[in-house]
Amino acid sequence: MTTVSIRLDDDMKRELDEMCDEMGMNITTFFMIYAKKALRDRRIPFDIVAPVDPFYSESNMKQIQKAKQQLKDGKTVIKSLNELEALEGE
């Protein structure tokens, strides 16, 4: 038998202790169950995903395509910074 030490944030440790206690186990049992499941399935027992960049959301991509089409169709108004600032004063 070997010992493994894990560092946890104080709040995370407290919350995990409480959750495990509600399930009738301690943190050691929790990690043993996790390890056995991972080894049995030969995978991490939950999905790990990277958050999706909101820039690439479906609605934003539709707006970008719409803007590209407007550019192609010549449905744009081009103003210099000076012209835009002059409009602001009106």
C-alpha atoms as a PDB file:
ATOM      1  CA  MET A   1       0.000   0.000   0.000  1.00  0.00           C
ATOM      2  CA  THR A   2       1.268   3.491  -0.807  1.00  0.00           C
ATOM      3  CA  THR A   3       0.199   6.967   0.253  1.00  0.00           C
ATOM      4  CA  VAL A   4      -0.700   9.725  -2.211  1.00  0.00           C
ATOM      5  CA  SER A   5      -0.953  13.334  -1.075  1.00  0.00           C
ATOM      6  CA  ILE A   6      -3.238  15.761  -2.889  1.00  0.00           C
ATOM      7  CA  ARG A   7      -3.383  19.500  -2.316  1.00  0.00           C
ATOM      8  CA  LEU A   8      -6.883  21.001  -2.372  1.00  0.00           C
ATOM      9  CA  ASP A   9      -8.160  24.497  -1.827  1.00  0.00           C
ATOM     10  CA  ASP A  10      -9.591  24.765   1.718  1.00  0.00           C
ATOM     11  CA  ASP A  11     -13.118  25.453   0.452  1.00  0.00           C
ATOM     12  CA  MET A  12     -12.967  22.597  -2.046  1.00  0.00           C
ATOM     13  CA  LYS A  13     -11.754  20.206   0.677  1.00  0.00           C
ATOM     14  CA  ARG A  14     -14.572  21.289   3.008  1.00  0.00           C
ATOM     15  CA  GLU A  15     -17.202  20.891   0.274  1.00  0.00           C
ATOM     16  CA  LEU A  16     -15.818  17.508  -0.742  1.00  0.00           C
ATOM     17  CA  ASP A  17     -15.776  16.358   2.886  1.00  0.00           C
ATOM     18  CA  GLU A  18     -19.428  17.407   3.250  1.00  0.00           C
ATOM     19  CA  MET A  19     -20.475  15.709   0.021  1.00  0.00           C
ATOM     20  CA  CYS A  20     -18.647  12.493   0.863  1.00  0.00           C
ATOM     21  CA  ASP A  21     -20.139  12.506   4.369  1.00  0.00           C
ATOM     22  CA  GLU A  22     -23.635  12.825   2.858  1.00  0.00           C
ATOM     23  CA  MET A  23     -22.823   9.753   0.745  1.00  0.00           C
ATOM     24  CA  GLY A  24     -21.533   7.813   3.748  1.00  0.00           C
ATOM     25  CA  MET A  25     -17.869   7.805   2.781  1.00  0.00           C
ATOM     26  CA  ASN A  26     -14.674   9.757   3.325  1.00  0.00           C
ATOM     27  CA  ILE A  27     -12.371  11.423   0.791  1.00  0.00           C
ATOM     28  CA  THR A  28     -10.048   8.404   0.659  1.00  0.00           C
ATOM     29  CA  THR A  29     -12.965   6.183  -0.359  1.00  0.00           C
ATOM     30  CA  PHE A  30     -14.053   8.810  -2.898  1.00  0.00           C
ATOM     31  CA  PHE A  31     -10.640   8.798  -4.575  1.00  0.00           C
ATOM     32  CA  MET A  32     -10.416   4.988  -4.438  1.00  0.00           C
ATOM     33  CA  ILE A  33     -13.770   4.709  -6.241  1.00  0.00           C
ATOM     34  CA  TYR A  34     -12.609   7.281  -8.799  1.00  0.00           C
ATOM     35  CA  ALA A  35      -9.279   5.493  -9.379  1.00  0.00           C
ATOM     36  CA  LYS A  36     -10.891   2.050  -9.702  1.00  0.00           C
ATOM     37  CA  LYS A  37     -13.444   3.354 -12.200  1.00  0.00           C
ATOM     38  CA  ALA A  38     -10.740   5.085 -14.267  1.00  0.00           C
ATOM     39  CA  LEU A  39      -8.585   1.953 -14.322  1.00  0.00           C
ATOM     40  CA  ARG A  40     -11.503  -0.365 -15.123  1.00  0.00           C
ATOM     41  CA  ASP A  41     -12.753   1.817 -18.000  1.00  0.00           C
ATOM     42  CA  ARG A  42      -9.254   2.951 -19.075  1.00  0.00           C
ATOM     43  CA  ARG A  43     -10.548   6.515 -19.281  1.00  0.00           C
ATOM     44  CA  ILE A  44     -11.269   9.487 -17.062  1.00  0.00           C
ATOM     45  CA  PRO A  45     -14.785   8.781 -15.772  1.00  0.00           C
ATOM     46  CA  PHE A  46     -16.212  12.113 -16.893  1.00  0.00           C
ATOM     47  CA  ASP A  47     -15.903  14.378 -19.926  1.00  0.00           C
ATOM     48  CA  ILE A  48     -13.255  17.062 -19.924  1.00  0.00           C
ATOM     49  CA  VAL A  49     -14.012  19.813 -22.384  1.00  0.00           C
ATOM     50  CA  ALA A  50     -12.515  23.169 -23.168  1.00  0.00           C
ATOM     51  CA  PRO A  51     -14.978  26.044 -22.999  1.00  0.00           C
ATOM     52  CA  VAL A  52     -16.138  27.157 -26.409  1.00  0.00           C
ATOM     53  CA  ASP A  53     -14.924  30.588 -27.438  1.00  0.00           C
ATOM     54  CA  PRO A  54     -18.118  32.710 -27.653  1.00  0.00           C
ATOM     55  CA  PHE A  55     -16.744  34.321 -30.819  1.00  0.00           C
ATOM     56  CA  TYR A  56     -17.425  31.054 -32.646  1.00  0.00           C
ATOM     57  CA  SER A  57     -20.985  30.671 -31.381  1.00  0.00           C
ATOM     58  CA  GLU A  58     -23.570  29.763 -33.996  1.00  0.00           C
ATOM     59  CA  SER A  59     -25.375  33.107 -33.716  1.00  0.00           C
ATOM     60  CA  ASN A  60     -22.149  35.104 -34.037  1.00  0.00           C
ATOM     61  CA  MET A  61     -21.025  33.076 -37.060  1.00  0.00           C
ATOM     62  CA  LYS A  62     -24.406  33.795 -38.720  1.00  0.00           C
ATOM     63  CA  GLN A  63     -23.900  37.522 -38.120  1.00  0.00           C
ATOM     64  CA  ILE A  64     -20.399  37.332 -39.599  1.00  0.00           C
ATOM     65  CA  GLN A  65     -21.713  35.541 -42.686  1.00  0.00           C
ATOM     66  CA  LYS A  66     -24.464  38.153 -43.016  1.00  0.00           C
ATOM     67  CA  ALA A  67     -21.900  40.970 -42.775  1.00  0.00           C
ATOM     68  CA  LYS A  68     -19.675  39.269 -45.365  1.00  0.00           C
ATOM     69  CA  GLN A  69     -22.632  38.999 -47.739  1.00  0.00           C
ATOM     70  CA  GLN A  70     -23.486  42.673 -47.203  1.00  0.00           C
ATOM     71  CA  LEU A  71     -19.899  43.564 -48.113  1.00  0.00           C
ATOM     72  CA  LYS A  72     -20.095  41.424 -51.268  1.00  0.00           C
ATOM     73  CA  ASP A  73     -23.429  43.024 -52.220  1.00  0.00           C
ATOM     74  CA  GLY A  74     -22.030  46.533 -51.710  1.00  0.00           C
ATOM     75  CA  LYS A  75     -24.525  47.243 -48.931  1.00  0.00           C
ATOM     76  CA  THR A  76     -22.038  49.112 -46.782  1.00  0.00           C
ATOM     77  CA  VAL A  77     -21.459  52.729 -45.866  1.00  0.00           C
ATOM     78  CA  ILE A  78     -17.871  53.833 -45.553  1.00  0.00           C
ATOM     79  CA  LYS A  79     -17.085  56.856 -43.403  1.00  0.00           C
ATOM     80  CA  SER A  80     -13.816  58.255 -42.171  1.00  0.00           C
ATOM     81  CA  LEU A  81     -13.252  58.817 -38.467  1.00  0.00           C
ATOM     82  CA  ASN A  82     -13.642  62.571 -39.032  1.00  0.00           C
ATOM     83  CA  GLU A  83     -16.983  62.013 -40.764  1.00  0.00           C
ATOM     84  CA  LEU A  84     -18.215  59.791 -37.935  1.00  0.00           C
ATOM     85  CA  GLU A  85     -17.145  62.338 -35.317  1.00  0.00           C
ATOM     86  CA  ALA A  86     -18.940  65.058 -37.268  1.00  0.00           C
ATOM     87  CA  LEU A  87     -22.129  62.948 -37.241  1.00  0.00           C
ATOM     88  CA  GLU A  88     -21.859  62.604 -33.489  1.00  0.00           C
ATOM     89  CA  GLY A  89     -22.067  66.368 -33.064  1.00  0.00           C
ATOM     90  CA  GLU A  90     -25.270  66.690 -35.098  1.00  0.00           C
END
